[in-house]
Amino acid sequence: MKNATPGLTWLIEHILPRGELTVMQGPLHVGRSLLLLDWALCSATGKSWFGHLVHPGSVAFCSTEKLQDLGQRARAWYTTYQADIDLPVQHTPISFFELEALSEENYLVASEQLVEEIKDMQDPPSLIILDVEGTNERQARVLAYRLWQYFGATVLLTSSDSSRDDILKLVPSGYKDEQEFLLHFPGTYGTSALQLRLQSVARPGKDFPPSHIIECSDQQTA
């Protein structure tokens, strides 16, 4: 696949930019959380993702889901792909963090606690995922920006479909990249395939525009 943005390096080749702040935007119940977990585990193990090379490294997966549920999904992933990876489960550099829904009241305490917990990881993370459903999106974007500044890692934040216009308003028109890619892959995560689009590119600035937006939708409604 031709690189439409030659100035980028990739954590997941032609999918997820390396060392950048990225927002994954899309409606609920299309498989975003499972896709994010797949990316996280591929990044932690170095397993390629549908033929796309992955730059391996330590991963912090932060979610408003229960750790027990994430652990069950991770174990199922290992059971499926154990023949494709060299690392045993106990040596895989991925840490899971359970977040409460962010609000104006608890944001400062929650963000301080999360930074300290990530700092305690054995290796600095190369990928931080914030899968934060049902939370204050403005506070979540500020938290993502802070983590990106502090750790210099790839930071990937989920966002609901309703906030799409608000996100796009943050991207200066002069920075939009009109070259987009679409990726279709088998419906591993649900009844229909997902469609991904790396939509816009912009460098973070004082008004906190996201660096990149990945649109995620099921193929039937794309």
N, C-alpha and C. Protein backbone atom coordinates (compact mmCIF):
# COMPACT_ATOMS: atom_id res chain seq x y z
N MET A 1 0.84 -1.19 0.00
CA MET A 1 0.00 0.00 0.00
C MET A 1 0.88 1.24 0.00
N LYS A 2 0.60 2.18 -0.86
CA LYS A 2 1.38 3.41 -0.94
C LYS A 2 1.13 4.28 0.28
N ASN A 3 2.22 4.85 0.83
CA ASN A 3 2.10 5.72 1.98
C ASN A 3 1.63 7.09 1.52
N ALA A 4 0.39 7.45 1.88
CA ALA A 4 -0.17 8.73 1.45
C ALA A 4 0.40 9.90 2.23
N THR A 5 1.05 9.62 3.36
CA THR A 5 1.65 10.66 4.19
C THR A 5 3.11 10.30 4.44
N PRO A 6 4.01 10.62 3.49
CA PRO A 6 5.39 10.15 3.55
C PRO A 6 6.18 10.70 4.72
N GLY A 7 5.70 11.74 5.41
CA GLY A 7 6.42 12.27 6.55
C GLY A 7 6.23 11.47 7.82
N LEU A 8 5.36 10.46 7.80
CA LEU A 8 5.04 9.69 8.99
C LEU A 8 5.88 8.43 9.08
N THR A 9 6.13 8.00 10.31
CA THR A 9 6.57 6.63 10.56
C THR A 9 5.40 5.92 11.22
N TRP A 10 5.45 4.60 11.26
CA TRP A 10 4.25 3.86 11.63
C TRP A 10 4.49 2.91 12.78
N LEU A 11 3.56 2.88 13.73
CA LEU A 11 3.54 1.84 14.75
C LEU A 11 2.93 0.57 14.15
N ILE A 12 1.82 0.74 13.43
CA ILE A 12 1.24 -0.31 12.60
C ILE A 12 1.25 0.23 11.18
N GLU A 13 1.98 -0.42 10.32
CA GLU A 13 2.29 0.10 8.99
C GLU A 13 1.03 0.56 8.24
N HIS A 14 1.03 1.86 7.85
CA HIS A 14 -0.04 2.47 7.07
C HIS A 14 -1.39 2.51 7.81
N ILE A 15 -1.39 2.21 9.10
CA ILE A 15 -2.62 2.21 9.88
C ILE A 15 -2.53 3.20 11.03
N LEU A 16 -1.55 3.01 11.91
CA LEU A 16 -1.44 3.81 13.13
C LEU A 16 -0.09 4.52 13.17
N PRO A 17 -0.09 5.86 13.07
CA PRO A 17 1.16 6.61 13.08
C PRO A 17 1.91 6.45 14.40
N ARG A 18 3.22 6.41 14.30
CA ARG A 18 4.08 6.20 15.47
C ARG A 18 4.41 7.53 16.15
N GLY A 19 4.29 7.54 17.48
CA GLY A 19 4.64 8.72 18.25
C GLY A 19 3.70 9.88 18.07
N GLU A 20 2.48 9.63 17.60
CA GLU A 20 1.52 10.69 17.32
C GLU A 20 0.29 10.54 18.21
N LEU A 21 -0.47 11.61 18.29
CA LEU A 21 -1.75 11.60 19.00
C LEU A 21 -2.86 11.36 17.98
N THR A 22 -3.64 10.31 18.21
CA THR A 22 -4.64 9.88 17.24
C THR A 22 -5.99 9.67 17.93
N VAL A 23 -7.05 10.10 17.27
CA VAL A 23 -8.41 9.87 17.76
C VAL A 23 -9.10 8.87 16.85
N MET A 24 -9.62 7.78 17.43
CA MET A 24 -10.46 6.85 16.67
C MET A 24 -11.91 7.22 16.92
N GLN A 25 -12.58 7.66 15.89
CA GLN A 25 -13.95 8.15 16.00
C GLN A 25 -14.90 7.17 15.32
N GLY A 26 -16.04 6.93 15.96
CA GLY A 26 -17.02 6.06 15.34
C GLY A 26 -18.15 5.76 16.30
N PRO A 27 -19.25 5.21 15.80
CA PRO A 27 -20.40 4.90 16.65
C PRO A 27 -20.12 3.74 17.58
N LEU A 28 -20.98 3.56 18.56
CA LEU A 28 -20.87 2.44 19.48
C LEU A 28 -21.25 1.14 18.78
N HIS A 29 -20.76 0.04 19.34
CA HIS A 29 -21.18 -1.31 18.94
C HIS A 29 -20.78 -1.67 17.51
N VAL A 30 -19.65 -1.16 17.03
CA VAL A 30 -19.13 -1.62 15.74
C VAL A 30 -17.85 -2.43 15.91
N GLY A 31 -17.40 -2.61 17.15
CA GLY A 31 -16.21 -3.42 17.40
C GLY A 31 -14.94 -2.64 17.67
N ARG A 32 -15.06 -1.36 18.02
CA ARG A 32 -13.86 -0.56 18.25
C ARG A 32 -12.99 -1.11 19.38
N SER A 33 -13.62 -1.47 20.50
CA SER A 33 -12.85 -1.92 21.66
C SER A 33 -12.08 -3.20 21.36
N LEU A 34 -12.69 -4.12 20.63
CA LEU A 34 -12.00 -5.35 20.27
C LEU A 34 -10.87 -5.07 19.29
N LEU A 35 -11.10 -4.13 18.38
CA LEU A 35 -10.05 -3.74 17.45
C LEU A 35 -8.88 -3.12 18.20
N LEU A 36 -9.16 -2.24 19.16
CA LEU A 36 -8.10 -1.62 19.94
C LEU A 36 -7.30 -2.65 20.73
N LEU A 37 -7.98 -3.63 21.30
CA LEU A 37 -7.29 -4.68 22.04
C LEU A 37 -6.41 -5.50 21.11
N ASP A 38 -6.90 -5.77 19.92
CA ASP A 38 -6.11 -6.49 18.92
C ASP A 38 -4.85 -5.71 18.58
N TRP A 39 -4.99 -4.41 18.32
CA TRP A 39 -3.83 -3.57 18.02
C TRP A 39 -2.86 -3.55 19.19
N ALA A 40 -3.39 -3.44 20.41
CA ALA A 40 -2.54 -3.40 21.59
C ALA A 40 -1.72 -4.67 21.74
N LEU A 41 -2.35 -5.81 21.57
CA LEU A 41 -1.66 -7.08 21.74
C LEU A 41 -0.70 -7.35 20.59
N CYS A 42 -1.04 -6.93 19.39
CA CYS A 42 -0.09 -7.03 18.28
C CYS A 42 1.13 -6.16 18.56
N SER A 43 0.91 -4.95 19.08
CA SER A 43 2.01 -4.05 19.38
C SER A 43 2.90 -4.60 20.49
N ALA A 44 2.29 -5.24 21.48
CA ALA A 44 3.05 -5.78 22.60
C ALA A 44 3.85 -7.02 22.23
N THR A 45 3.38 -7.76 21.23
CA THR A 45 4.04 -9.02 20.85
C THR A 45 4.83 -8.91 19.55
N GLY A 46 4.58 -7.86 18.77
CA GLY A 46 5.24 -7.75 17.47
C GLY A 46 4.56 -8.53 16.37
N LYS A 47 3.39 -9.12 16.67
CA LYS A 47 2.65 -9.87 15.65
C LYS A 47 2.13 -8.91 14.58
N SER A 48 2.27 -9.26 13.32
CA SER A 48 1.75 -8.42 12.25
C SER A 48 0.23 -8.40 12.31
N TRP A 49 -0.36 -7.33 11.77
CA TRP A 49 -1.80 -7.19 11.79
C TRP A 49 -2.33 -7.21 10.37
N PHE A 50 -2.95 -8.32 9.98
CA PHE A 50 -3.49 -8.51 8.63
C PHE A 50 -2.46 -8.14 7.57
N GLY A 51 -1.22 -8.58 7.80
CA GLY A 51 -0.15 -8.33 6.84
C GLY A 51 0.56 -7.00 7.01
N HIS A 52 0.10 -6.14 7.91
CA HIS A 52 0.75 -4.86 8.17
C HIS A 52 1.79 -5.04 9.26
N LEU A 53 3.03 -4.64 8.98
CA LEU A 53 4.10 -4.79 9.96
C LEU A 53 3.82 -3.95 11.19
N VAL A 54 4.24 -4.45 12.35
CA VAL A 54 4.01 -3.78 13.63
C VAL A 54 5.35 -3.52 14.30
N HIS A 55 5.54 -2.30 14.80
CA HIS A 55 6.73 -1.97 15.57
C HIS A 55 6.46 -2.32 17.02
N PRO A 56 7.10 -3.34 17.59
CA PRO A 56 6.74 -3.81 18.94
C PRO A 56 7.25 -2.89 20.04
N GLY A 57 6.57 -2.92 21.16
CA GLY A 57 6.97 -2.14 22.32
C GLY A 57 5.98 -2.32 23.45
N SER A 58 6.28 -1.68 24.57
CA SER A 58 5.42 -1.77 25.74
C SER A 58 4.12 -1.00 25.51
N VAL A 59 3.01 -1.53 26.05
CA VAL A 59 1.68 -0.95 25.81
C VAL A 59 0.96 -0.72 27.13
N ALA A 60 0.32 0.44 27.25
CA ALA A 60 -0.58 0.74 28.37
C ALA A 60 -2.00 0.82 27.81
N PHE A 61 -2.87 -0.09 28.24
CA PHE A 61 -4.25 -0.13 27.76
C PHE A 61 -5.15 0.35 28.89
N CYS A 62 -5.70 1.55 28.72
CA CYS A 62 -6.51 2.20 29.76
C CYS A 62 -7.97 2.19 29.32
N SER A 63 -8.85 1.67 30.15
CA SER A 63 -10.22 1.47 29.71
C SER A 63 -11.20 1.67 30.86
N THR A 64 -12.41 2.08 30.51
CA THR A 64 -13.48 2.15 31.50
C THR A 64 -14.16 0.79 31.68
N GLU A 65 -13.73 -0.21 30.91
CA GLU A 65 -14.24 -1.56 31.11
C GLU A 65 -13.57 -2.21 32.31
N LYS A 66 -14.19 -3.23 32.87
CA LYS A 66 -13.62 -3.95 33.99
C LYS A 66 -12.39 -4.72 33.56
N LEU A 67 -11.38 -4.75 34.43
CA LEU A 67 -10.15 -5.46 34.11
C LEU A 67 -10.40 -6.94 33.88
N GLN A 68 -11.36 -7.50 34.60
CA GLN A 68 -11.68 -8.92 34.43
C GLN A 68 -12.12 -9.20 33.00
N ASP A 69 -12.97 -8.33 32.45
CA ASP A 69 -13.45 -8.53 31.08
C ASP A 69 -12.30 -8.40 30.08
N LEU A 70 -11.43 -7.40 30.28
CA LEU A 70 -10.29 -7.24 29.39
C LEU A 70 -9.36 -8.44 29.46
N GLY A 71 -9.17 -8.96 30.67
CA GLY A 71 -8.30 -10.12 30.84
C GLY A 71 -8.84 -11.34 30.11
N GLN A 72 -10.14 -11.54 30.15
CA GLN A 72 -10.74 -12.67 29.46
C GLN A 72 -10.54 -12.54 27.95
N ARG A 73 -10.72 -11.34 27.44
CA ARG A 73 -10.53 -11.12 26.00
C ARG A 73 -9.07 -11.32 25.61
N ALA A 74 -8.15 -10.83 26.45
CA ALA A 74 -6.73 -11.00 26.15
C ALA A 74 -6.34 -12.47 26.14
N ARG A 75 -6.85 -13.25 27.09
CA ARG A 75 -6.53 -14.68 27.11
C ARG A 75 -7.09 -15.39 25.88
N ALA A 76 -8.27 -14.97 25.43
CA ALA A 76 -8.83 -15.56 24.22
C ALA A 76 -7.96 -15.22 23.01
N TRP A 77 -7.42 -14.00 22.98
CA TRP A 77 -6.54 -13.59 21.88
C TRP A 77 -5.30 -14.47 21.85
N TYR A 78 -4.68 -14.69 23.02
CA TYR A 78 -3.49 -15.52 23.08
C TYR A 78 -3.79 -16.95 22.65
N THR A 79 -4.93 -17.47 23.06
CA THR A 79 -5.30 -18.83 22.66
C THR A 79 -5.39 -18.93 21.15
N THR A 80 -5.91 -17.88 20.51
CA THR A 80 -6.09 -17.89 19.06
C THR A 80 -4.76 -17.75 18.33
N TYR A 81 -3.85 -16.91 18.82
CA TYR A 81 -2.65 -16.55 18.06
C TYR A 81 -1.35 -17.04 18.68
N GLN A 82 -1.41 -17.94 19.66
CA GLN A 82 -0.20 -18.35 20.35
C GLN A 82 0.85 -18.95 19.41
N ALA A 83 0.41 -19.55 18.32
CA ALA A 83 1.37 -20.12 17.37
C ALA A 83 2.10 -19.04 16.57
N ASP A 84 1.57 -17.80 16.57
CA ASP A 84 2.15 -16.73 15.76
C ASP A 84 3.07 -15.80 16.55
N ILE A 85 3.20 -16.02 17.86
CA ILE A 85 4.01 -15.12 18.68
C ILE A 85 5.02 -15.93 19.47
N ASP A 86 6.13 -15.28 19.82
CA ASP A 86 7.22 -15.95 20.52
C ASP A 86 7.19 -15.72 22.03
N LEU A 87 6.52 -14.66 22.47
CA LEU A 87 6.52 -14.30 23.89
C LEU A 87 5.45 -15.07 24.65
N PRO A 88 5.81 -15.66 25.81
CA PRO A 88 4.75 -16.24 26.67
C PRO A 88 3.91 -15.13 27.26
N VAL A 89 2.71 -15.48 27.69
CA VAL A 89 1.76 -14.49 28.19
C VAL A 89 2.37 -13.65 29.30
N GLN A 90 3.07 -14.29 30.24
CA GLN A 90 3.57 -13.58 31.41
C GLN A 90 4.70 -12.62 31.08
N HIS A 91 5.29 -12.72 29.89
CA HIS A 91 6.39 -11.85 29.51
C HIS A 91 5.97 -10.77 28.50
N THR A 92 4.72 -10.75 28.16
CA THR A 92 4.25 -9.77 27.18
C THR A 92 4.15 -8.39 27.82
N PRO A 93 4.80 -7.36 27.24
CA PRO A 93 4.85 -6.04 27.87
C PRO A 93 3.58 -5.22 27.65
N ILE A 94 2.48 -5.66 28.26
CA ILE A 94 1.23 -4.90 28.19
C ILE A 94 0.66 -4.79 29.60
N SER A 95 0.22 -3.60 29.97
CA SER A 95 -0.38 -3.36 31.28
C SER A 95 -1.78 -2.80 31.07
N PHE A 96 -2.74 -3.30 31.87
CA PHE A 96 -4.12 -2.85 31.79
C PHE A 96 -4.43 -1.95 32.99
N PHE A 97 -5.12 -0.84 32.71
CA PHE A 97 -5.50 0.10 33.75
C PHE A 97 -6.99 0.37 33.64
N GLU A 98 -7.70 0.24 34.76
CA GLU A 98 -9.14 0.49 34.78
C GLU A 98 -9.41 1.93 35.18
N LEU A 99 -10.13 2.65 34.35
CA LEU A 99 -10.45 4.05 34.60
C LEU A 99 -11.92 4.22 34.96
N GLU A 100 -12.20 5.13 35.87
CA GLU A 100 -13.57 5.55 36.05
C GLU A 100 -13.93 6.51 34.93
N ALA A 101 -15.21 6.67 34.66
CA ALA A 101 -15.64 7.65 33.66
C ALA A 101 -15.16 9.03 34.10
N LEU A 102 -14.49 9.73 33.21
CA LEU A 102 -13.93 11.03 33.54
C LEU A 102 -15.03 12.08 33.59
N SER A 103 -14.96 12.93 34.61
CA SER A 103 -15.90 14.04 34.75
C SER A 103 -15.12 15.26 35.20
N GLU A 104 -15.79 16.39 35.26
CA GLU A 104 -15.14 17.61 35.74
C GLU A 104 -14.66 17.43 37.18
N GLU A 105 -15.40 16.65 37.97
CA GLU A 105 -15.09 16.52 39.39
C GLU A 105 -13.88 15.63 39.65
N ASN A 106 -13.76 14.51 38.92
CA ASN A 106 -12.70 13.55 39.24
C ASN A 106 -11.53 13.58 38.27
N TYR A 107 -11.59 14.47 37.29
CA TYR A 107 -10.60 14.43 36.22
C TYR A 107 -9.16 14.59 36.73
N LEU A 108 -8.90 15.59 37.56
CA LEU A 108 -7.54 15.87 37.99
C LEU A 108 -6.95 14.71 38.78
N VAL A 109 -7.73 14.17 39.71
CA VAL A 109 -7.24 13.05 40.51
C VAL A 109 -7.01 11.83 39.64
N ALA A 110 -7.97 11.53 38.75
CA ALA A 110 -7.85 10.35 37.89
C ALA A 110 -6.65 10.46 36.96
N SER A 111 -6.42 11.64 36.39
CA SER A 111 -5.32 11.80 35.46
C SER A 111 -3.97 11.71 36.16
N GLU A 112 -3.87 12.31 37.36
CA GLU A 112 -2.63 12.22 38.13
C GLU A 112 -2.32 10.77 38.48
N GLN A 113 -3.35 10.05 38.91
CA GLN A 113 -3.16 8.65 39.28
C GLN A 113 -2.72 7.82 38.08
N LEU A 114 -3.34 8.06 36.93
CA LEU A 114 -3.00 7.29 35.74
C LEU A 114 -1.56 7.55 35.32
N VAL A 115 -1.12 8.80 35.33
CA VAL A 115 0.26 9.12 34.97
C VAL A 115 1.23 8.38 35.87
N GLU A 116 0.98 8.38 37.17
CA GLU A 116 1.87 7.71 38.12
C GLU A 116 1.89 6.20 37.88
N GLU A 117 0.73 5.61 37.59
CA GLU A 117 0.68 4.17 37.35
C GLU A 117 1.43 3.79 36.08
N ILE A 118 1.29 4.59 35.03
CA ILE A 118 2.02 4.30 33.79
C ILE A 118 3.52 4.49 33.99
N LYS A 119 3.91 5.46 34.80
CA LYS A 119 5.33 5.67 35.09
C LYS A 119 5.95 4.45 35.77
N ASP A 120 5.14 3.68 36.49
CA ASP A 120 5.63 2.51 37.21
C ASP A 120 5.79 1.28 36.31
N MET A 121 5.41 1.38 35.05
CA MET A 121 5.61 0.25 34.14
C MET A 121 7.09 -0.07 34.00
N GLN A 122 7.40 -1.32 33.77
CA GLN A 122 8.80 -1.74 33.68
C GLN A 122 9.52 -1.03 32.54
N ASP A 123 8.86 -0.86 31.41
CA ASP A 123 9.43 -0.15 30.27
C ASP A 123 8.49 1.00 29.90
N PRO A 124 9.03 2.14 29.48
CA PRO A 124 8.17 3.24 29.04
C PRO A 124 7.29 2.78 27.88
N PRO A 125 6.03 3.16 27.86
CA PRO A 125 5.13 2.66 26.80
C PRO A 125 5.43 3.30 25.45
N SER A 126 5.33 2.51 24.41
CA SER A 126 5.39 3.06 23.06
C SER A 126 3.99 3.32 22.52
N LEU A 127 2.98 2.70 23.18
CA LEU A 127 1.58 2.89 22.80
C LEU A 127 0.73 3.01 24.06
N ILE A 128 -0.09 4.07 24.12
CA ILE A 128 -1.06 4.24 25.20
C ILE A 128 -2.44 4.34 24.55
N ILE A 129 -3.34 3.45 24.96
CA ILE A 129 -4.70 3.44 24.44
C ILE A 129 -5.65 3.91 25.53
N LEU A 130 -6.51 4.86 25.18
CA LEU A 130 -7.56 5.34 26.09
C LEU A 130 -8.91 4.96 25.49
N ASP A 131 -9.46 3.86 25.96
CA ASP A 131 -10.77 3.39 25.48
C ASP A 131 -11.79 3.79 26.53
N VAL A 132 -12.33 4.99 26.38
CA VAL A 132 -13.10 5.61 27.47
C VAL A 132 -14.53 5.90 27.02
N GLU A 133 -15.37 4.89 27.06
CA GLU A 133 -16.78 5.05 26.72
C GLU A 133 -17.52 5.73 27.86
N GLY A 134 -18.55 6.49 27.54
CA GLY A 134 -19.42 7.08 28.54
C GLY A 134 -18.72 8.06 29.46
N THR A 135 -17.78 8.81 28.92
CA THR A 135 -17.02 9.73 29.74
C THR A 135 -17.06 11.12 29.13
N ASN A 136 -16.57 12.10 29.86
CA ASN A 136 -16.50 13.47 29.37
C ASN A 136 -15.44 13.55 28.29
N GLU A 137 -15.87 13.76 27.03
CA GLU A 137 -14.92 13.67 25.93
C GLU A 137 -13.90 14.81 25.93
N ARG A 138 -14.30 15.96 26.39
CA ARG A 138 -13.34 17.06 26.44
C ARG A 138 -12.22 16.74 27.43
N GLN A 139 -12.59 16.22 28.58
CA GLN A 139 -11.58 15.85 29.56
C GLN A 139 -10.72 14.70 29.05
N ALA A 140 -11.33 13.76 28.33
CA ALA A 140 -10.57 12.64 27.78
C ALA A 140 -9.54 13.13 26.76
N ARG A 141 -9.92 14.11 25.93
CA ARG A 141 -8.96 14.63 24.94
C ARG A 141 -7.82 15.37 25.62
N VAL A 142 -8.14 16.10 26.68
CA VAL A 142 -7.08 16.79 27.43
C VAL A 142 -6.13 15.78 28.07
N LEU A 143 -6.69 14.71 28.63
CA LEU A 143 -5.87 13.66 29.23
C LEU A 143 -4.97 13.02 28.17
N ALA A 144 -5.54 12.73 27.00
CA ALA A 144 -4.74 12.13 25.93
C ALA A 144 -3.58 13.04 25.54
N TYR A 145 -3.85 14.32 25.43
CA TYR A 145 -2.81 15.28 25.08
C TYR A 145 -1.73 15.32 26.15
N ARG A 146 -2.14 15.29 27.42
CA ARG A 146 -1.16 15.31 28.50
C ARG A 146 -0.28 14.07 28.46
N LEU A 147 -0.88 12.89 28.27
CA LEU A 147 -0.10 11.66 28.20
C LEU A 147 0.86 11.68 27.03
N TRP A 148 0.41 12.22 25.89
CA TRP A 148 1.25 12.31 24.71
C TRP A 148 2.46 13.21 24.98
N GLN A 149 2.21 14.34 25.62
CA GLN A 149 3.30 15.26 25.95
C GLN A 149 4.27 14.64 26.95
N TYR A 150 3.76 13.94 27.95
CA TYR A 150 4.59 13.43 29.04
C TYR A 150 5.43 12.25 28.59
N PHE A 151 4.82 11.30 27.87
CA PHE A 151 5.52 10.06 27.54
C PHE A 151 6.09 10.04 26.13
N GLY A 152 5.60 10.92 25.24
CA GLY A 152 6.10 10.92 23.87
C GLY A 152 5.74 9.66 23.11
N ALA A 153 4.72 8.96 23.57
CA ALA A 153 4.31 7.70 22.95
C ALA A 153 3.21 7.95 21.93
N THR A 154 2.89 6.91 21.16
CA THR A 154 1.67 6.93 20.37
C THR A 154 0.50 6.88 21.34
N VAL A 155 -0.42 7.83 21.26
CA VAL A 155 -1.60 7.84 22.12
C VAL A 155 -2.83 7.75 21.23
N LEU A 156 -3.66 6.75 21.51
CA LEU A 156 -4.85 6.49 20.70
C LEU A 156 -6.08 6.60 21.59
N LEU A 157 -6.96 7.53 21.28
CA LEU A 157 -8.14 7.83 22.08
C LEU A 157 -9.40 7.51 21.29
N THR A 158 -10.38 6.87 21.95
CA THR A 158 -11.66 6.64 21.30
C THR A 158 -12.57 7.85 21.47
N SER A 159 -13.47 8.03 20.51
CA SER A 159 -14.42 9.13 20.56
C SER A 159 -15.71 8.68 19.92
N SER A 160 -16.82 9.17 20.43
CA SER A 160 -18.12 8.74 19.91
C SER A 160 -18.44 9.42 18.59
N ASP A 161 -19.39 8.86 17.89
CA ASP A 161 -19.81 9.39 16.60
C ASP A 161 -20.37 10.81 16.73
N SER A 162 -20.99 11.09 17.88
CA SER A 162 -21.64 12.39 18.05
C SER A 162 -20.65 13.54 18.10
N SER A 163 -19.38 13.25 18.40
CA SER A 163 -18.40 14.33 18.54
C SER A 163 -17.59 14.55 17.27
N ARG A 164 -17.95 13.89 16.18
CA ARG A 164 -17.15 13.97 14.96
C ARG A 164 -16.98 15.41 14.49
N ASP A 165 -18.07 16.16 14.44
CA ASP A 165 -17.98 17.54 13.95
C ASP A 165 -17.10 18.39 14.86
N ASP A 166 -17.20 18.16 16.18
CA ASP A 166 -16.36 18.91 17.10
C ASP A 166 -14.88 18.60 16.88
N ILE A 167 -14.57 17.34 16.61
CA ILE A 167 -13.18 16.97 16.36
C ILE A 167 -12.68 17.63 15.09
N LEU A 168 -13.48 17.56 14.04
CA LEU A 168 -13.04 18.11 12.75
C LEU A 168 -12.82 19.62 12.82
N LYS A 169 -13.60 20.30 13.67
CA LYS A 169 -13.42 21.74 13.82
C LYS A 169 -12.04 22.08 14.39
N LEU A 170 -11.43 21.12 15.11
CA LEU A 170 -10.13 21.36 15.71
C LEU A 170 -8.99 21.19 14.73
N VAL A 171 -9.28 20.66 13.55
CA VAL A 171 -8.23 20.43 12.56
C VAL A 171 -8.17 21.61 11.61
N PRO A 172 -7.10 22.41 11.62
CA PRO A 172 -7.01 23.55 10.71
C PRO A 172 -7.11 23.09 9.26
N SER A 173 -7.89 23.82 8.47
CA SER A 173 -8.14 23.38 7.09
C SER A 173 -6.85 23.27 6.29
N GLY A 174 -5.87 24.09 6.59
CA GLY A 174 -4.62 24.04 5.84
C GLY A 174 -3.80 22.81 6.10
N TYR A 175 -4.17 22.04 7.14
CA TYR A 175 -3.40 20.85 7.50
C TYR A 175 -4.10 19.57 7.08
N LYS A 176 -5.27 19.68 6.51
CA LYS A 176 -5.99 18.46 6.16
C LYS A 176 -5.29 17.73 5.02
N ASP A 177 -5.22 16.44 5.16
CA ASP A 177 -4.63 15.59 4.14
C ASP A 177 -5.77 14.97 3.35
N GLU A 178 -5.88 15.35 2.10
CA GLU A 178 -7.01 14.87 1.29
C GLU A 178 -6.80 13.43 0.82
N GLN A 179 -5.58 12.91 0.97
CA GLN A 179 -5.33 11.53 0.57
C GLN A 179 -5.73 10.62 1.72
N GLU A 180 -6.74 9.82 1.51
CA GLU A 180 -7.27 8.94 2.54
C GLU A 180 -7.10 7.50 2.11
N PHE A 181 -7.11 6.60 3.07
CA PHE A 181 -7.13 5.20 2.70
C PHE A 181 -8.31 4.51 3.36
N LEU A 182 -8.78 3.49 2.72
CA LEU A 182 -9.84 2.66 3.27
C LEU A 182 -9.28 1.26 3.46
N LEU A 183 -9.64 0.63 4.53
CA LEU A 183 -9.20 -0.73 4.79
C LEU A 183 -10.41 -1.57 5.11
N HIS A 184 -10.58 -2.64 4.37
CA HIS A 184 -11.65 -3.59 4.64
C HIS A 184 -10.99 -4.90 5.07
N PHE A 185 -11.47 -5.49 6.14
CA PHE A 185 -10.95 -6.78 6.53
C PHE A 185 -12.10 -7.65 7.03
N PRO A 186 -11.88 -8.96 7.09
CA PRO A 186 -12.98 -9.88 7.41
C PRO A 186 -13.64 -9.54 8.73
N GLY A 187 -14.90 -9.90 8.86
CA GLY A 187 -15.68 -9.54 10.04
C GLY A 187 -15.29 -10.34 11.27
N THR A 188 -14.02 -10.25 11.65
CA THR A 188 -13.51 -10.98 12.80
C THR A 188 -14.14 -10.48 14.09
N TYR A 189 -14.52 -9.21 14.12
CA TYR A 189 -14.95 -8.60 15.36
C TYR A 189 -16.47 -8.50 15.49
N GLY A 190 -17.20 -8.95 14.53
CA GLY A 190 -18.65 -8.85 14.61
C GLY A 190 -19.28 -9.44 13.37
N THR A 191 -20.52 -9.08 13.14
CA THR A 191 -21.25 -9.67 12.02
C THR A 191 -20.87 -9.05 10.69
N SER A 192 -20.28 -7.84 10.72
CA SER A 192 -19.90 -7.20 9.47
C SER A 192 -18.47 -6.71 9.57
N ALA A 193 -17.88 -6.44 8.42
CA ALA A 193 -16.51 -5.95 8.41
C ALA A 193 -16.45 -4.51 8.86
N LEU A 194 -15.29 -4.10 9.34
CA LEU A 194 -15.07 -2.72 9.69
C LEU A 194 -14.41 -1.99 8.53
N GLN A 195 -14.66 -0.70 8.47
CA GLN A 195 -14.00 0.15 7.50
C GLN A 195 -13.24 1.23 8.26
N LEU A 196 -11.97 1.41 7.95
CA LEU A 196 -11.16 2.42 8.62
C LEU A 196 -10.73 3.47 7.62
N ARG A 197 -10.68 4.71 8.07
CA ARG A 197 -10.21 5.80 7.20
C ARG A 197 -9.30 6.71 8.02
N LEU A 198 -8.05 6.83 7.62
CA LEU A 198 -7.16 7.82 8.21
C LEU A 198 -7.52 9.14 7.56
N GLN A 199 -8.29 9.97 8.28
CA GLN A 199 -9.02 11.04 7.63
C GLN A 199 -8.25 12.35 7.54
N SER A 200 -7.64 12.79 8.62
CA SER A 200 -7.05 14.12 8.65
C SER A 200 -5.75 14.08 9.41
N VAL A 201 -4.86 14.99 9.08
CA VAL A 201 -3.56 15.08 9.73
C VAL A 201 -3.34 16.51 10.16
N ALA A 202 -2.96 16.71 11.40
CA ALA A 202 -2.64 18.06 11.89
C ALA A 202 -1.72 17.93 13.08
N ARG A 203 -0.75 18.83 13.19
CA ARG A 203 0.14 18.83 14.34
C ARG A 203 -0.57 19.44 15.55
N PRO A 204 -0.39 18.87 16.74
CA PRO A 204 -1.04 19.45 17.92
C PRO A 204 -0.57 20.89 18.16
N GLY A 205 -1.48 21.74 18.58
CA GLY A 205 -1.16 23.13 18.88
C GLY A 205 -1.85 23.55 20.15
N LYS A 206 -1.86 24.84 20.41
CA LYS A 206 -2.38 25.32 21.69
C LYS A 206 -3.87 25.06 21.86
N ASP A 207 -4.61 24.89 20.77
CA ASP A 207 -6.05 24.62 20.86
C ASP A 207 -6.36 23.13 20.88
N PHE A 208 -5.30 22.32 21.02
CA PHE A 208 -5.43 20.87 21.08
C PHE A 208 -6.19 20.27 19.91
N PRO A 209 -5.68 20.45 18.69
CA PRO A 209 -6.22 19.63 17.61
C PRO A 209 -5.60 18.24 17.68
N PRO A 210 -6.33 17.20 17.36
CA PRO A 210 -5.71 15.87 17.30
C PRO A 210 -4.76 15.80 16.12
N SER A 211 -3.73 14.98 16.24
CA SER A 211 -2.81 14.81 15.13
C SER A 211 -3.48 14.08 13.97
N HIS A 212 -4.25 13.06 14.31
CA HIS A 212 -4.86 12.21 13.29
C HIS A 212 -6.23 11.78 13.75
N ILE A 213 -7.08 11.49 12.79
CA ILE A 213 -8.40 10.94 13.07
C ILE A 213 -8.56 9.66 12.26
N ILE A 214 -8.91 8.58 12.93
CA ILE A 214 -9.25 7.34 12.25
C ILE A 214 -10.75 7.16 12.39
N GLU A 215 -11.45 7.20 11.28
CA GLU A 215 -12.90 6.92 11.30
C GLU A 215 -13.10 5.42 11.25
N CYS A 216 -13.97 4.93 12.09
CA CYS A 216 -14.23 3.51 12.19
C CYS A 216 -15.72 3.27 12.05
N SER A 217 -16.12 2.48 11.10
CA SER A 217 -17.54 2.21 10.91
C SER A 217 -17.71 0.81 10.35
N ASP A 218 -18.90 0.23 10.54
CA ASP A 218 -19.12 -1.08 9.96
C ASP A 218 -19.38 -0.92 8.46
N GLN A 219 -19.01 -1.93 7.73
CA GLN A 219 -19.02 -1.84 6.27
C GLN A 219 -20.43 -1.63 5.73
N GLN A 220 -21.43 -2.08 6.43
CA GLN A 220 -22.80 -1.96 5.93
C GLN A 220 -23.29 -0.51 5.92
N THR A 221 -22.73 0.33 6.85
CA THR A 221 -23.19 1.71 6.93
C THR A 221 -22.15 2.70 6.40
N ALA A 222 -20.98 2.22 5.99
CA ALA A 222 -19.91 3.11 5.55
C ALA A 222 -20.26 3.75 4.22
